[in-house]
């Protein structure tokens, strides 16, 4: 009887705390996505200056590629994928790593 009560208390505790944990994870992810979006708005606004850093990181991108990208993340991922023969996931990973380094310097 005692073990049943203990199990019921544990189940109740998990039921109450689980939504809180899920909410915390969701709001943290939203904040990260918002930070990335804000960073890309800044990058797009200063694309002329940012092109040099992009060209330094991905030297196979041509000047025409950089003009076509115009500070748009999805275009950058696509051009990296094409020029380097990478999968979409690999190109995404490279851009994400670059974003993290860039965010540290902003």
Protein backbone atom coordinates (compact mmCIF):
# COMPACT_ATOMS: atom_id res chain seq x y z
CA UNK A 1 0.00 0.00 0.00
CA UNK A 2 2.83 2.35 0.89
CA UNK A 3 4.63 1.80 -2.46
CA UNK A 4 1.39 2.55 -4.29
CA UNK A 5 1.11 5.92 -2.50
CA UNK A 6 4.71 6.75 -3.26
CA UNK A 7 4.20 5.86 -6.94
CA UNK A 8 1.08 8.04 -7.09
CA UNK A 9 2.95 11.00 -5.58
CA UNK A 10 5.82 10.61 -8.07
CA UNK A 11 3.40 10.39 -10.99
CA UNK A 12 1.60 13.51 -9.80
CA UNK A 13 4.90 15.39 -9.47
CA UNK A 14 5.98 14.42 -12.97
CA UNK A 15 2.60 15.40 -14.40
CA UNK A 16 2.85 18.84 -12.85
CA UNK A 17 6.48 19.58 -13.74
CA UNK A 18 6.53 18.17 -17.29
CA UNK A 19 4.59 21.07 -18.90
CA UNK A 20 6.92 23.54 -17.18
CA UNK A 21 10.01 21.81 -18.62
CA UNK A 22 8.48 21.69 -22.10
CA UNK A 23 7.54 25.36 -21.89
CA UNK A 24 11.07 26.30 -20.83
CA UNK A 25 12.59 24.41 -23.72
CA UNK A 26 10.16 25.93 -26.20
CA UNK A 27 10.69 29.51 -25.05
CA UNK A 28 14.48 29.06 -25.13
CA UNK A 29 14.32 27.81 -28.70
CA UNK A 30 12.11 30.75 -29.66
CA UNK A 31 14.65 33.15 -28.16
CA UNK A 32 17.49 31.54 -30.12
CA UNK A 33 15.48 31.71 -33.35
CA UNK A 34 14.67 35.36 -32.61
CA UNK A 35 18.35 36.12 -32.01
CA UNK A 36 19.32 34.51 -35.32
CA UNK A 37 16.58 36.41 -37.14
CA UNK A 38 17.73 39.69 -35.61
CA UNK A 39 21.33 38.91 -36.50
CA UNK A 40 20.39 38.22 -40.13
CA UNK A 41 18.45 41.49 -40.30
CA UNK A 42 21.67 43.23 -39.25
CA UNK A 43 23.71 41.20 -41.74
CA UNK A 44 21.32 42.06 -44.54
CA UNK A 45 21.52 45.74 -43.61
CA UNK A 46 25.31 45.69 -43.71
CA UNK A 47 25.72 43.15 -46.50
CA UNK A 48 28.36 45.20 -48.29
CA UNK A 49 30.65 44.93 -45.25
CA UNK A 50 29.62 41.35 -44.43
CA UNK A 51 30.42 40.02 -47.92
CA UNK A 52 34.12 40.09 -47.07
CA UNK A 53 33.65 37.84 -44.05
CA UNK A 54 31.49 35.46 -46.08
CA UNK A 55 34.03 35.38 -48.91
CA UNK A 56 36.81 34.72 -46.38
CA UNK A 57 34.88 31.76 -44.93
CA UNK A 58 33.67 30.33 -48.26
CA UNK A 59 36.23 31.29 -50.90
CA UNK A 60 34.51 29.36 -53.69
CA UNK A 61 31.59 31.80 -53.65
CA UNK A 62 31.86 34.22 -56.54
CA UNK A 63 31.14 37.92 -56.50
CA UNK A 64 27.98 37.15 -58.49
CA UNK A 65 26.97 34.64 -55.80
CA UNK A 66 27.44 37.28 -53.11
CA UNK A 67 25.35 39.77 -55.08
CA UNK A 68 22.59 37.18 -55.50
CA UNK A 69 22.63 36.25 -51.81
CA UNK A 70 21.93 39.86 -50.71
CA UNK A 71 22.19 38.94 -47.03
CA UNK A 72 19.57 36.18 -47.16
CA UNK A 73 20.45 33.15 -45.08
CA UNK A 74 18.57 30.65 -47.22
CA UNK A 75 20.37 31.88 -50.33
CA UNK A 76 23.74 31.59 -48.59
CA UNK A 77 23.00 28.00 -47.59
CA UNK A 78 21.94 27.17 -51.15
CA UNK A 79 25.04 28.72 -52.74
CA UNK A 80 27.35 26.93 -50.29
CA UNK A 81 25.56 23.68 -51.03
CA UNK A 82 26.01 24.19 -54.77
CA UNK A 83 29.60 25.46 -54.82
CA UNK A 84 30.95 22.93 -52.35
CA UNK A 85 28.80 19.94 -53.36
CA UNK A 86 27.42 19.55 -49.84
CA UNK A 87 24.10 18.24 -48.62
CA UNK A 88 21.61 20.80 -47.38
CA UNK A 89 22.23 19.63 -43.79
CA UNK A 90 26.00 20.08 -44.14
CA UNK A 91 25.61 23.57 -45.59
CA UNK A 92 23.16 24.44 -42.79
CA UNK A 93 25.66 23.22 -40.20
CA UNK A 94 28.43 25.36 -41.68
CA UNK A 95 26.23 28.48 -41.71
CA UNK A 96 25.06 27.79 -38.13
CA UNK A 97 28.66 27.48 -36.94
CA UNK A 98 29.54 30.72 -38.76
CA UNK A 99 26.54 32.43 -37.15
CA UNK A 100 27.70 31.38 -33.68
CA UNK A 101 31.20 32.75 -34.28
CA UNK A 102 29.77 35.93 -35.76
CA UNK A 103 27.30 36.41 -32.88
CA UNK A 104 30.23 36.32 -30.49
CA UNK A 105 31.89 39.19 -32.35
CA UNK A 106 28.78 41.38 -32.68
